[in-house]
């Protein structure tokens, strides 16, 4: 008994949808967030791309799809100048896991990350609340005092 053309088309569509679903599951794409819990402006750049400004009390979503870097800067509100603090984190995006790498690799398998004191990420918290997330704050930056307004015309 031969299949009708409509049945062949339907079977091909189901097969294509199934393959697309499997390919999507193997993808390393993770949506993660960068939170700004400080009173300063957070500037984020992913893999050397254009910067994103995250205002105080806000967050931004990033797509981690391959190993890369996050460049983070803290800028005083209203200054428009150079960041008062900069750092960079590498991240990994593997088949089913995305996370920010930090610290040295010295004895990681035996002792775990964070065993040595030089592995801090302050004022950032990484991999919290989820693996791959980054949180700034609370953080008090050494911002210059605003210039006094002149009453002379």
N, C-alpha and C. Protein backbone atom coordinates (compact mmCIF):
# COMPACT_ATOMS: atom_id res chain seq x y z
N UNK A 1 0.84 -1.16 0.00
CA UNK A 1 0.00 0.00 0.00
C UNK A 1 0.90 1.24 0.00
N UNK A 2 0.70 2.16 -0.93
CA UNK A 2 1.54 3.35 -1.09
C UNK A 2 1.01 4.49 -0.21
N UNK A 3 1.94 5.34 0.24
CA UNK A 3 1.55 6.50 1.07
C UNK A 3 1.02 7.61 0.17
N UNK A 4 0.02 8.31 0.64
CA UNK A 4 -0.50 9.46 -0.09
C UNK A 4 0.50 10.61 0.01
N UNK A 5 0.53 11.53 -0.94
CA UNK A 5 1.47 12.66 -0.90
C UNK A 5 1.32 13.49 0.37
N UNK A 6 0.08 13.63 0.87
CA UNK A 6 -0.13 14.40 2.09
C UNK A 6 0.51 13.71 3.28
N UNK A 7 0.44 12.39 3.33
CA UNK A 7 1.05 11.63 4.43
C UNK A 7 2.56 11.73 4.39
N UNK A 8 3.14 11.70 3.18
CA UNK A 8 4.59 11.84 3.04
C UNK A 8 5.05 13.21 3.54
N UNK A 9 4.31 14.24 3.18
CA UNK A 9 4.65 15.60 3.60
C UNK A 9 4.55 15.72 5.12
N UNK A 10 3.50 15.14 5.69
CA UNK A 10 3.32 15.18 7.15
C UNK A 10 4.45 14.43 7.85
N UNK A 11 4.83 13.26 7.34
CA UNK A 11 5.92 12.47 7.93
C UNK A 11 7.25 13.23 7.85
N UNK A 12 7.50 13.89 6.72
CA UNK A 12 8.73 14.68 6.56
C UNK A 12 8.76 15.84 7.54
N UNK A 13 7.60 16.47 7.74
CA UNK A 13 7.52 17.59 8.68
C UNK A 13 7.80 17.13 10.11
N UNK A 14 7.22 16.01 10.51
CA UNK A 14 7.43 15.47 11.85
C UNK A 14 8.90 15.10 12.05
N UNK A 15 9.52 14.48 11.04
CA UNK A 15 10.94 14.11 11.14
C UNK A 15 11.81 15.36 11.27
N UNK A 16 11.53 16.40 10.49
CA UNK A 16 12.31 17.64 10.57
C UNK A 16 12.14 18.31 11.93
N UNK A 17 10.94 18.33 12.45
CA UNK A 17 10.71 18.94 13.76
C UNK A 17 11.43 18.17 14.86
N UNK A 18 11.44 16.85 14.76
CA UNK A 18 12.12 16.02 15.75
C UNK A 18 13.63 16.28 15.72
N UNK A 19 14.21 16.32 14.52
CA UNK A 19 15.65 16.60 14.40
C UNK A 19 15.99 17.98 14.91
N UNK A 20 15.16 18.96 14.63
CA UNK A 20 15.40 20.32 15.11
C UNK A 20 15.35 20.36 16.63
N UNK A 21 14.45 19.61 17.23
CA UNK A 21 14.37 19.55 18.68
C UNK A 21 15.62 18.93 19.29
N UNK A 22 16.12 17.86 18.69
CA UNK A 22 17.35 17.23 19.18
C UNK A 22 18.54 18.16 19.03
N UNK A 23 18.63 18.86 17.89
CA UNK A 23 19.74 19.79 17.68
C UNK A 23 19.67 20.93 18.68
N UNK A 24 18.46 21.39 19.01
CA UNK A 24 18.31 22.47 19.99
C UNK A 24 18.75 22.03 21.37
N UNK A 25 18.50 20.77 21.73
CA UNK A 25 18.91 20.27 23.03
C UNK A 25 20.43 20.19 23.15
N UNK A 26 21.14 19.95 22.04
CA UNK A 26 22.59 19.84 22.07
C UNK A 26 23.27 21.20 22.08
N UNK A 27 22.53 22.25 21.79
CA UNK A 27 23.09 23.59 21.78
C UNK A 27 23.55 23.99 23.17
N UNK A 28 24.59 24.82 23.22
CA UNK A 28 25.12 25.26 24.51
C UNK A 28 24.56 26.62 24.91
N UNK A 29 23.52 27.08 24.28
CA UNK A 29 22.97 28.39 24.60
C UNK A 29 22.35 28.42 25.99
N UNK A 30 22.77 29.39 26.79
CA UNK A 30 22.20 29.62 28.11
C UNK A 30 21.86 31.10 28.21
N UNK A 31 20.70 31.42 28.69
CA UNK A 31 20.37 32.81 28.99
C UNK A 31 20.72 33.05 30.45
N UNK A 32 21.58 34.00 30.69
CA UNK A 32 22.01 34.34 32.05
C UNK A 32 21.84 35.83 32.26
N UNK A 33 21.90 36.27 33.51
CA UNK A 33 21.63 37.67 33.84
C UNK A 33 22.83 38.30 34.53
N UNK A 34 22.96 39.60 34.29
CA UNK A 34 23.93 40.44 34.99
C UNK A 34 23.09 41.44 35.77
N UNK A 35 23.25 41.44 37.11
CA UNK A 35 22.45 42.28 38.00
C UNK A 35 23.30 43.43 38.52
N UNK A 36 22.69 44.61 38.64
CA UNK A 36 23.36 45.76 39.24
C UNK A 36 22.62 46.12 40.53
N UNK A 37 23.22 45.75 41.66
CA UNK A 37 22.63 46.06 42.96
C UNK A 37 23.44 47.14 43.66
N UNK A 38 24.05 48.01 42.88
CA UNK A 38 24.83 49.12 43.43
C UNK A 38 24.15 50.43 43.06
N UNK A 39 24.72 51.53 43.52
CA UNK A 39 24.20 52.85 43.18
C UNK A 39 24.96 53.45 41.99
N UNK A 40 25.77 52.63 41.32
CA UNK A 40 26.59 53.09 40.20
C UNK A 40 26.11 52.45 38.90
N UNK A 41 26.70 52.89 37.81
CA UNK A 41 26.37 52.37 36.50
C UNK A 41 27.30 51.18 36.19
N UNK A 42 26.73 50.07 35.78
CA UNK A 42 27.51 48.89 35.41
C UNK A 42 27.58 48.82 33.89
N UNK A 43 28.79 48.73 33.35
CA UNK A 43 29.00 48.63 31.91
C UNK A 43 29.48 47.21 31.62
N UNK A 44 28.77 46.50 30.73
CA UNK A 44 29.07 45.10 30.41
C UNK A 44 29.33 44.98 28.92
N UNK A 45 30.40 44.27 28.56
CA UNK A 45 30.69 43.96 27.17
C UNK A 45 30.98 42.47 27.09
N UNK A 46 30.34 41.80 26.17
CA UNK A 46 30.52 40.35 26.01
C UNK A 46 31.35 40.09 24.77
N UNK A 47 32.45 39.38 24.95
CA UNK A 47 33.33 38.97 23.84
C UNK A 47 33.76 40.14 22.97
N UNK A 48 34.05 41.28 23.58
CA UNK A 48 34.52 42.46 22.85
C UNK A 48 33.44 43.18 22.07
N UNK A 49 32.19 42.81 22.28
CA UNK A 49 31.08 43.44 21.57
C UNK A 49 30.73 44.81 22.12
N UNK A 50 29.65 45.39 21.65
CA UNK A 50 29.25 46.72 22.11
C UNK A 50 28.88 46.70 23.60
N UNK A 51 29.18 47.78 24.31
CA UNK A 51 28.87 47.81 25.75
C UNK A 51 27.37 47.98 26.01
N UNK A 52 26.96 47.41 27.13
CA UNK A 52 25.58 47.53 27.61
C UNK A 52 25.65 48.25 28.95
N UNK A 53 24.85 49.27 29.14
CA UNK A 53 24.78 49.99 30.41
C UNK A 53 23.63 49.43 31.23
N UNK A 54 23.95 49.00 32.46
CA UNK A 54 22.93 48.47 33.37
C UNK A 54 22.81 49.45 34.54
N UNK A 55 21.69 50.13 34.60
CA UNK A 55 21.46 51.14 35.64
C UNK A 55 21.25 50.49 37.01
N UNK A 56 21.40 51.26 38.08
CA UNK A 56 21.19 50.72 39.43
C UNK A 56 19.81 50.07 39.58
N UNK A 57 19.78 48.91 40.23
CA UNK A 57 18.53 48.22 40.47
C UNK A 57 17.98 47.47 39.26
N UNK A 58 18.73 47.40 38.18
CA UNK A 58 18.27 46.73 36.95
C UNK A 58 19.15 45.52 36.65
N UNK A 59 18.76 44.78 35.61
CA UNK A 59 19.56 43.65 35.15
C UNK A 59 19.48 43.58 33.63
N UNK A 60 20.39 42.81 33.05
CA UNK A 60 20.41 42.60 31.61
C UNK A 60 20.59 41.11 31.35
N UNK A 61 20.00 40.63 30.26
CA UNK A 61 20.11 39.22 29.89
C UNK A 61 21.21 39.06 28.86
N UNK A 62 22.04 38.04 29.06
CA UNK A 62 23.11 37.69 28.13
C UNK A 62 22.89 36.27 27.64
N UNK A 63 23.26 36.01 26.40
CA UNK A 63 23.22 34.65 25.86
C UNK A 63 24.65 34.13 25.81
N UNK A 64 24.91 33.08 26.58
CA UNK A 64 26.21 32.44 26.59
C UNK A 64 26.10 31.21 25.70
N UNK A 65 26.80 31.22 24.57
CA UNK A 65 26.66 30.11 23.63
C UNK A 65 27.98 29.44 23.29
N UNK A 66 29.08 30.00 23.71
CA UNK A 66 30.40 29.43 23.49
C UNK A 66 31.33 30.01 24.52
N UNK A 67 32.49 29.43 24.76
CA UNK A 67 33.42 30.03 25.72
C UNK A 67 33.75 31.46 25.30
N UNK A 68 33.85 32.36 26.27
CA UNK A 68 34.13 33.75 25.95
C UNK A 68 34.51 34.54 27.18
N UNK A 69 34.41 35.89 27.07
CA UNK A 69 34.77 36.77 28.16
C UNK A 69 33.68 37.82 28.40
N UNK A 70 33.60 38.25 29.65
CA UNK A 70 32.75 39.37 30.04
C UNK A 70 33.67 40.46 30.58
N UNK A 71 33.62 41.64 29.99
CA UNK A 71 34.34 42.81 30.49
C UNK A 71 33.34 43.64 31.28
N UNK A 72 33.68 43.94 32.54
CA UNK A 72 32.77 44.66 33.43
C UNK A 72 33.45 45.92 33.94
N UNK A 73 32.73 47.01 33.94
CA UNK A 73 33.23 48.27 34.47
C UNK A 73 32.18 48.93 35.33
N UNK A 74 32.64 49.63 36.36
CA UNK A 74 31.75 50.38 37.25
C UNK A 74 32.03 51.85 37.04
N UNK A 75 30.98 52.59 36.74
CA UNK A 75 31.13 54.01 36.43
C UNK A 75 30.23 54.83 37.35
N UNK A 76 30.71 55.96 37.80
CA UNK A 76 29.90 56.85 38.65
C UNK A 76 28.77 57.43 37.82
N UNK A 77 27.58 57.48 38.40
CA UNK A 77 26.43 58.04 37.70
C UNK A 77 26.67 59.52 37.40
N UNK A 78 26.35 59.92 36.19
CA UNK A 78 26.47 61.31 35.82
C UNK A 78 27.88 61.75 35.48
N UNK A 79 28.88 60.89 35.65
CA UNK A 79 30.24 61.33 35.39
C UNK A 79 30.58 61.23 33.91
N UNK A 80 30.13 60.18 33.25
CA UNK A 80 30.42 60.01 31.84
C UNK A 80 31.89 59.78 31.56
N UNK A 81 32.68 59.63 32.61
CA UNK A 81 34.12 59.47 32.44
C UNK A 81 34.56 58.02 32.47
N UNK A 82 35.81 57.85 32.84
CA UNK A 82 36.39 56.52 32.92
C UNK A 82 35.79 55.72 34.07
N UNK A 83 35.71 54.41 33.91
CA UNK A 83 35.23 53.57 35.01
C UNK A 83 36.15 53.66 36.22
N UNK A 84 35.58 53.59 37.43
CA UNK A 84 36.37 53.61 38.65
C UNK A 84 36.88 52.22 38.98
N UNK A 85 36.37 51.21 38.29
CA UNK A 85 36.80 49.84 38.52
C UNK A 85 36.50 49.02 37.27
N UNK A 86 37.44 48.14 36.90
CA UNK A 86 37.26 47.24 35.75
C UNK A 86 37.72 45.84 36.12
N UNK A 87 37.08 44.87 35.52
CA UNK A 87 37.51 43.48 35.66
C UNK A 87 37.03 42.69 34.46
N UNK A 88 37.57 41.51 34.32
CA UNK A 88 37.18 40.63 33.23
C UNK A 88 37.05 39.21 33.76
N UNK A 89 36.01 38.51 33.34
CA UNK A 89 35.80 37.12 33.71
C UNK A 89 35.67 36.30 32.43
N UNK A 90 36.23 35.12 32.46
CA UNK A 90 36.02 34.17 31.38
C UNK A 90 34.82 33.31 31.76
N UNK A 91 34.07 32.90 30.75
CA UNK A 91 32.94 32.01 31.01
C UNK A 91 33.01 30.82 30.08
N UNK A 92 32.38 29.75 30.49
CA UNK A 92 32.27 28.54 29.70
C UNK A 92 30.81 28.28 29.38
N UNK A 93 30.54 27.83 28.19
CA UNK A 93 29.20 27.42 27.78
C UNK A 93 29.35 26.06 27.14
N UNK A 94 29.08 25.04 27.91
CA UNK A 94 29.20 23.66 27.45
C UNK A 94 27.82 23.11 27.16
N UNK A 95 27.73 21.89 26.72
CA UNK A 95 26.47 21.31 26.25
C UNK A 95 25.30 21.61 27.18
N UNK A 96 25.46 21.36 28.47
CA UNK A 96 24.34 21.57 29.38
C UNK A 96 24.68 22.47 30.55
N UNK A 97 25.82 23.17 30.50
CA UNK A 97 26.24 24.00 31.64
C UNK A 97 26.85 25.30 31.15
N UNK A 98 26.53 26.37 31.81
CA UNK A 98 27.16 27.66 31.58
C UNK A 98 27.60 28.19 32.94
N UNK A 99 28.84 28.66 33.03
CA UNK A 99 29.35 29.16 34.31
C UNK A 99 30.50 30.13 34.08
N UNK A 100 30.74 30.98 35.06
CA UNK A 100 31.84 31.93 35.03
C UNK A 100 33.02 31.27 35.71
N UNK A 101 34.19 31.34 35.05
CA UNK A 101 35.42 30.81 35.64
C UNK A 101 36.08 31.90 36.46
N UNK A 102 36.66 31.53 37.59
CA UNK A 102 37.41 32.49 38.38
C UNK A 102 38.46 31.77 39.18
N UNK A 103 39.45 32.51 39.60
CA UNK A 103 40.51 31.93 40.41
C UNK A 103 41.51 31.16 39.58
N UNK A 104 42.45 30.57 40.26
CA UNK A 104 43.48 29.79 39.60
C UNK A 104 43.02 28.35 39.44
N UNK A 105 43.71 27.59 38.64
CA UNK A 105 43.38 26.19 38.43
C UNK A 105 44.20 25.28 39.35
N UNK A 106 44.95 25.87 40.27
CA UNK A 106 45.86 25.14 41.14
C UNK A 106 45.07 24.26 42.11
N UNK A 107 45.20 22.97 42.01
CA UNK A 107 44.55 21.98 42.88
C UNK A 107 43.02 22.09 42.87
N UNK A 108 42.43 22.50 41.77
CA UNK A 108 40.97 22.62 41.72
C UNK A 108 40.31 21.25 41.94
N UNK A 109 40.83 20.23 41.30
CA UNK A 109 40.22 18.89 41.44
C UNK A 109 40.32 18.38 42.87
N UNK A 110 41.42 18.69 43.54
CA UNK A 110 41.63 18.16 44.88
C UNK A 110 40.98 19.02 45.97
N UNK A 111 41.06 20.36 45.82
CA UNK A 111 40.63 21.26 46.89
C UNK A 111 39.39 22.08 46.55
N UNK A 112 39.07 22.22 45.27
CA UNK A 112 37.94 23.04 44.86
C UNK A 112 38.33 24.50 44.68
N UNK A 113 37.48 25.24 44.00
CA UNK A 113 37.75 26.67 43.77
C UNK A 113 37.59 27.46 45.06
N UNK A 114 38.32 28.54 45.18
CA UNK A 114 38.20 29.41 46.34
C UNK A 114 39.02 28.97 47.53
N UNK A 115 39.89 27.95 47.37
CA UNK A 115 40.69 27.50 48.50
C UNK A 115 41.73 28.53 48.90
N UNK A 116 42.34 29.18 47.90
CA UNK A 116 43.33 30.21 48.18
C UNK A 116 42.68 31.58 48.20
N UNK A 117 43.19 32.50 49.03
CA UNK A 117 42.58 33.81 49.22
C UNK A 117 42.59 34.70 48.01
N UNK A 118 43.43 34.45 47.01
CA UNK A 118 43.51 35.31 45.84
C UNK A 118 42.38 35.08 44.85
N UNK A 119 41.41 34.28 45.17
CA UNK A 119 40.39 33.93 44.20
C UNK A 119 39.09 34.70 44.38
N UNK A 120 39.12 35.82 45.07
CA UNK A 120 37.92 36.62 45.26
C UNK A 120 37.48 37.31 43.99
N UNK A 121 36.23 37.69 43.94
CA UNK A 121 35.66 38.38 42.79
C UNK A 121 35.03 39.70 43.19
N UNK A 122 35.28 40.14 44.42
CA UNK A 122 34.67 41.34 44.98
C UNK A 122 34.92 42.54 44.10
N UNK A 123 33.98 43.40 43.84
CA UNK A 123 32.64 43.55 44.39
C UNK A 123 31.58 42.75 43.64
N UNK A 124 32.02 41.85 42.76
CA UNK A 124 31.09 41.02 42.00
C UNK A 124 30.90 39.68 42.69
N UNK A 125 29.71 39.13 42.53
CA UNK A 125 29.42 37.76 42.92
C UNK A 125 29.13 37.02 41.62
N UNK A 126 29.82 35.90 41.40
CA UNK A 126 29.62 35.16 40.16
C UNK A 126 28.99 33.81 40.45
N UNK A 127 28.29 33.29 39.45
CA UNK A 127 27.63 31.98 39.51
C UNK A 127 26.57 31.93 40.61
N UNK A 128 25.91 33.06 40.86
CA UNK A 128 24.89 33.12 41.87
C UNK A 128 23.92 34.23 41.48
N UNK A 129 22.65 34.08 41.44
CA UNK A 129 21.85 32.97 41.95
C UNK A 129 21.90 31.71 41.08
N UNK A 130 22.28 31.83 39.80
CA UNK A 130 22.44 30.63 38.96
C UNK A 130 23.84 30.60 38.39
N UNK A 131 24.30 29.42 37.99
CA UNK A 131 25.59 29.30 37.33
C UNK A 131 25.58 30.20 36.09
N UNK A 132 26.60 31.05 35.96
CA UNK A 132 26.70 31.95 34.82
C UNK A 132 26.19 33.35 35.09
N UNK A 133 25.47 33.57 36.20
CA UNK A 133 25.00 34.91 36.55
C UNK A 133 26.12 35.71 37.20
N UNK A 134 26.03 37.05 37.07
CA UNK A 134 26.98 37.96 37.71
C UNK A 134 26.18 39.05 38.41
N UNK A 135 26.58 39.36 39.66
CA UNK A 135 25.91 40.40 40.44
C UNK A 135 26.94 41.42 40.90
N UNK A 136 26.66 42.70 40.70
CA UNK A 136 27.48 43.78 41.24
C UNK A 136 26.75 44.35 42.44
N UNK A 137 27.43 44.41 43.57
CA UNK A 137 26.91 45.16 44.68
C UNK A 137 26.52 44.35 45.88
N UNK A 138 26.08 45.09 46.86
CA UNK A 138 26.22 46.54 46.97
C UNK A 138 27.69 46.94 46.98
N UNK A 139 27.96 48.08 46.39
CA UNK A 139 29.33 48.54 46.18
C UNK A 139 29.37 50.05 46.25
N UNK A 140 30.26 50.58 47.05
CA UNK A 140 30.44 52.03 47.16
C UNK A 140 31.69 52.43 46.40
N UNK A 141 31.53 53.01 45.25
CA UNK A 141 32.67 53.46 44.44
C UNK A 141 33.18 54.80 44.95
N UNK A 142 34.45 55.05 44.76
CA UNK A 142 35.05 56.33 45.13
C UNK A 142 34.78 57.33 44.01
N UNK A 143 33.59 57.87 44.02
CA UNK A 143 33.18 58.80 42.97
C UNK A 143 33.55 60.23 43.36
N UNK A 144 33.98 61.03 42.38
CA UNK A 144 34.29 62.42 42.69
C UNK A 144 33.04 63.18 43.09
N UNK A 145 33.21 64.14 43.98
CA UNK A 145 32.07 64.96 44.41
C UNK A 145 31.62 65.81 43.24
N UNK A 146 30.31 66.04 43.12
CA UNK A 146 29.82 66.88 42.03
C UNK A 146 30.35 68.31 42.18
N UNK A 147 30.65 68.93 41.06
CA UNK A 147 31.17 70.31 41.08
C UNK A 147 30.09 71.24 41.60
N UNK A 148 30.51 72.23 42.36
CA UNK A 148 29.57 73.24 42.89
C UNK A 148 29.06 74.09 41.76
N UNK A 149 27.79 74.42 41.85
CA UNK A 149 27.20 75.27 40.81
C UNK A 149 27.59 76.72 41.05
N UNK A 150 27.94 77.39 40.00
CA UNK A 150 28.30 78.80 40.09
C UNK A 150 27.03 79.63 39.92
N UNK A 151 26.86 80.64 40.77
CA UNK A 151 25.68 81.52 40.66
C UNK A 151 25.98 82.74 39.80
N UNK A 152 27.18 82.80 39.28
CA UNK A 152 27.53 83.91 38.41
C UNK A 152 27.09 83.60 36.98
N UNK A 153 26.69 84.58 36.27
CA UNK A 153 26.18 84.41 34.94
C UNK A 153 27.20 84.39 33.96
